[in-house]
Amino acid sequence: MPSLFVTKIHVTLQIKVPDELLERYLPSSAKVVGEALTEQVIDAVKKHKLSYFPALNFLEKQGDIEADLLDAIETISWFSCKLVREEVHKKLRAFFSELSFQSVKCTSYAMPGVRASQLNAWPALVEHYTPNTVKLDVIASVLKKEEVPQGLENWSKQLFRRNLEKTFDEFEVVQTVVI
């Protein structure tokens, strides 16, 4: 009798939620929040004479970001993360025996890869601080007849791409690793 083996694949995705979708369900625009947040971050960087743009928690602890703006970014990022998680689960659960979300987080809270001296800092910061981009780590389990199937990383990358890229503005499979 043939055996089935459970193979797990770790997939890291970065997904941008369409603005139209966010505007349909939320009272404030993600783009407007991103722009307002960028203005306050730039003011804080000048105030503290920093040569880099810090993560939001640092500026929040310093009291440099308005409470209403923090509430707005939290609401939008929560909704973005929830929407992405539900869509990934809905579109891919039929292909895997199990989908386990290890982390789902909005990239706005991370430290931006932009320097204060960069020429195009403003648009890059607005893009970074707009709470519509989600990074998630998923462990997907698949049943196969082989213990270590060949090409499973490529197959899973194509499967994720094919099923999700039409739903979201920007979609990137950052990494796939068989574990």
Protein backbone atom coordinates (compact mmCIF):
# COMPACT_ATOMS: atom_id res chain seq x y z
CA MET A 1 0.00 0.00 0.00
CA PRO A 2 1.51 3.37 -1.02
CA SER A 3 2.31 5.91 1.69
CA LEU A 4 1.51 9.58 1.74
CA PHE A 5 3.97 12.07 3.15
CA VAL A 6 3.15 15.45 4.63
CA THR A 7 5.50 18.11 3.28
CA LYS A 8 5.49 21.62 4.71
CA ILE A 9 6.36 24.73 2.74
CA HIS A 10 7.15 28.09 4.32
CA VAL A 11 5.96 30.91 2.05
CA THR A 12 6.60 34.61 2.68
CA LEU A 13 4.36 37.04 0.79
CA GLN A 14 4.14 40.80 0.47
CA ILE A 15 0.74 42.02 -0.68
CA LYS A 16 -0.66 45.48 -1.37
CA VAL A 17 -4.41 45.88 -0.83
CA PRO A 18 -6.18 47.95 -3.54
CA ASP A 19 -7.13 51.48 -2.44
CA GLU A 20 -10.66 51.07 -3.84
CA LEU A 21 -11.26 48.11 -1.56
CA LEU A 22 -10.04 49.95 1.52
CA GLU A 23 -12.08 53.06 0.68
CA ARG A 24 -15.21 50.94 0.30
CA TYR A 25 -15.02 49.69 3.90
CA LEU A 26 -13.06 52.31 5.86
CA PRO A 27 -13.88 55.91 6.81
CA SER A 28 -10.39 57.27 6.10
CA SER A 29 -8.13 56.93 3.09
CA ALA A 30 -4.95 54.89 3.54
CA LYS A 31 -3.09 57.26 1.21
CA VAL A 32 -4.13 60.36 3.20
CA VAL A 33 -3.09 58.67 6.45
CA GLY A 34 0.25 57.71 4.88
CA GLU A 35 0.88 61.30 3.77
CA ALA A 36 -0.05 62.76 7.17
CA LEU A 37 2.12 60.22 8.94
CA THR A 38 5.04 60.98 6.62
CA GLU A 39 4.78 64.70 7.45
CA GLN A 40 4.87 63.97 11.17
CA VAL A 41 7.76 61.52 10.80
CA ILE A 42 9.82 64.05 8.82
CA ASP A 43 9.11 66.72 11.44
CA ALA A 44 10.20 64.31 14.20
CA VAL A 45 13.40 63.40 12.33
CA LYS A 46 14.27 67.10 12.01
CA LYS A 47 13.35 67.73 15.66
CA HIS A 48 15.57 64.91 16.95
CA LYS A 49 18.26 65.56 14.29
CA LEU A 50 18.26 61.95 13.09
CA SER A 51 19.97 60.77 9.92
CA TYR A 52 17.46 57.95 9.44
CA PHE A 53 13.72 57.39 9.61
CA PRO A 54 12.89 55.28 12.68
CA ALA A 55 10.12 52.70 13.11
CA LEU A 56 6.75 53.98 14.31
CA ASN A 57 7.06 52.56 17.85
CA PHE A 58 10.08 54.79 18.51
CA LEU A 59 8.21 57.91 17.40
CA GLU A 60 5.11 56.84 19.29
CA LYS A 61 7.14 56.47 22.51
CA GLN A 62 8.66 59.91 21.91
CA GLY A 63 5.16 61.40 21.55
CA ASP A 64 5.86 62.68 18.04
CA ILE A 65 2.82 61.12 16.34
CA GLU A 66 -0.75 62.31 17.02
CA ALA A 67 -2.99 59.81 18.81
CA ASP A 68 -5.76 60.13 16.19
CA LEU A 69 -3.31 59.35 13.42
CA LEU A 70 -2.03 56.30 15.31
CA ASP A 71 -5.63 55.13 15.75
CA ALA A 72 -6.27 55.56 12.03
CA ILE A 73 -3.17 53.63 10.99
CA GLU A 74 -4.01 50.86 13.47
CA THR A 75 -7.56 50.55 12.12
CA ILE A 76 -6.48 50.51 8.47
CA SER A 77 -3.60 48.10 9.07
CA TRP A 78 -5.86 45.77 11.10
CA PHE A 79 -8.41 45.73 8.28
CA SER A 80 -5.71 45.22 5.62
CA CYS A 81 -4.19 42.29 7.54
CA LYS A 82 -7.59 40.71 8.15
CA LEU A 83 -8.58 41.06 4.50
CA VAL A 84 -5.30 39.59 3.20
CA ARG A 85 -5.43 36.67 5.62
CA GLU A 86 -9.03 35.83 4.68
CA GLU A 87 -8.36 36.08 0.94
CA VAL A 88 -5.24 33.90 1.11
CA HIS A 89 -7.09 31.32 3.16
CA LYS A 90 -10.18 31.37 0.92
CA LYS A 91 -8.26 31.10 -2.35
CA LEU A 92 -5.65 28.53 -1.30
CA ARG A 93 -7.25 26.22 1.26
CA ALA A 94 -8.38 23.79 -1.45
CA PHE A 95 -4.80 23.18 -2.62
CA PHE A 96 -3.20 22.41 0.75
CA SER A 97 -4.08 20.02 3.56
CA GLU A 98 -3.36 22.80 6.05
CA LEU A 99 -2.61 26.53 5.97
CA SER A 100 -1.06 27.98 9.11
CA PHE A 101 -0.40 31.73 9.36
CA GLN A 102 2.79 32.33 11.33
CA SER A 103 2.69 36.13 11.11
CA VAL A 104 0.52 38.71 9.40
CA LYS A 105 1.72 42.28 9.81
CA CYS A 106 1.47 45.66 8.18
CA THR A 107 4.80 46.86 6.80
CA SER A 108 4.14 50.45 7.94
CA TYR A 109 5.31 49.58 11.44
CA ALA A 110 8.75 48.43 10.26
CA MET A 111 11.72 50.73 9.87
CA PRO A 112 11.71 52.15 6.33
CA GLY A 113 14.62 51.49 4.00
CA VAL A 114 14.86 55.21 3.20
CA ARG A 115 17.56 57.62 4.36
CA ALA A 116 16.90 61.24 5.27
CA SER A 117 19.39 62.42 2.64
CA GLN A 118 17.75 60.50 -0.23
CA LEU A 119 16.43 62.61 -3.09
CA ASN A 120 13.16 60.69 -3.48
CA ALA A 121 12.57 60.27 0.27
CA TRP A 122 9.08 61.81 0.33
CA PRO A 123 7.31 59.46 -2.15
CA ALA A 124 9.17 56.44 -0.79
CA LEU A 125 8.13 57.32 2.77
CA VAL A 126 4.52 57.92 1.78
CA GLU A 127 4.52 54.50 0.11
CA HIS A 128 6.06 52.89 3.20
CA TYR A 129 3.81 54.55 5.79
CA THR A 130 0.59 54.00 3.85
CA PRO A 131 -0.96 51.09 5.80
CA ASN A 132 -2.09 49.03 2.80
CA THR A 133 0.86 46.63 2.44
CA VAL A 134 0.91 43.39 4.39
CA LYS A 135 3.71 40.89 4.85
CA LEU A 136 2.72 37.40 5.87
CA ASP A 137 4.42 34.11 6.62
CA VAL A 138 2.41 30.99 5.85
CA ILE A 139 3.21 27.34 6.50
CA ALA A 140 1.36 25.24 3.92
CA SER A 141 1.13 21.46 4.26
CA VAL A 142 0.67 19.26 1.22
CA LEU A 143 0.20 15.49 0.90
CA LYS A 144 2.48 13.86 -1.67
CA LYS A 145 3.52 10.31 -2.54
CA GLU A 146 7.22 11.19 -2.49
CA GLU A 147 8.98 12.01 0.76
CA VAL A 148 10.83 15.00 -0.75
CA PRO A 149 8.99 16.02 -3.96
CA GLN A 150 11.02 17.75 -6.66
CA GLY A 151 10.00 21.27 -7.70
CA LEU A 152 7.65 21.83 -4.76
CA GLU A 153 8.99 25.33 -4.05
CA ASN A 154 8.40 26.45 -7.63
CA TRP A 155 4.98 24.75 -7.74
CA SER A 156 3.85 26.50 -4.54
CA LYS A 157 5.20 29.87 -5.71
CA GLN A 158 3.26 29.59 -8.99
CA LEU A 159 0.14 28.41 -7.15
CA PHE A 160 0.17 31.37 -4.78
CA ARG A 161 0.88 33.79 -7.62
CA ARG A 162 -1.78 32.39 -9.95
CA ASN A 163 -4.51 32.46 -7.29
CA LEU A 164 -3.75 35.81 -5.65
CA GLU A 165 -2.24 38.25 -8.15
CA LYS A 166 -5.60 39.24 -9.68
CA THR A 167 -7.07 40.09 -6.28
CA PHE A 168 -4.39 42.53 -5.10
CA ASP A 169 -2.63 45.61 -6.60
CA GLU A 170 0.86 44.33 -6.00
CA PHE A 171 1.77 40.82 -5.06
CA GLU A 172 5.19 39.31 -4.42
CA VAL A 173 6.24 35.86 -3.29
CA VAL A 174 9.30 36.87 -1.30
CA GLN A 175 10.44 33.36 -0.42
CA THR A 176 9.41 29.69 -0.55
CA VAL A 177 11.26 27.05 1.43
CA VAL A 178 10.44 23.38 1.92
CA ILE A 179 10.81 22.59 5.63
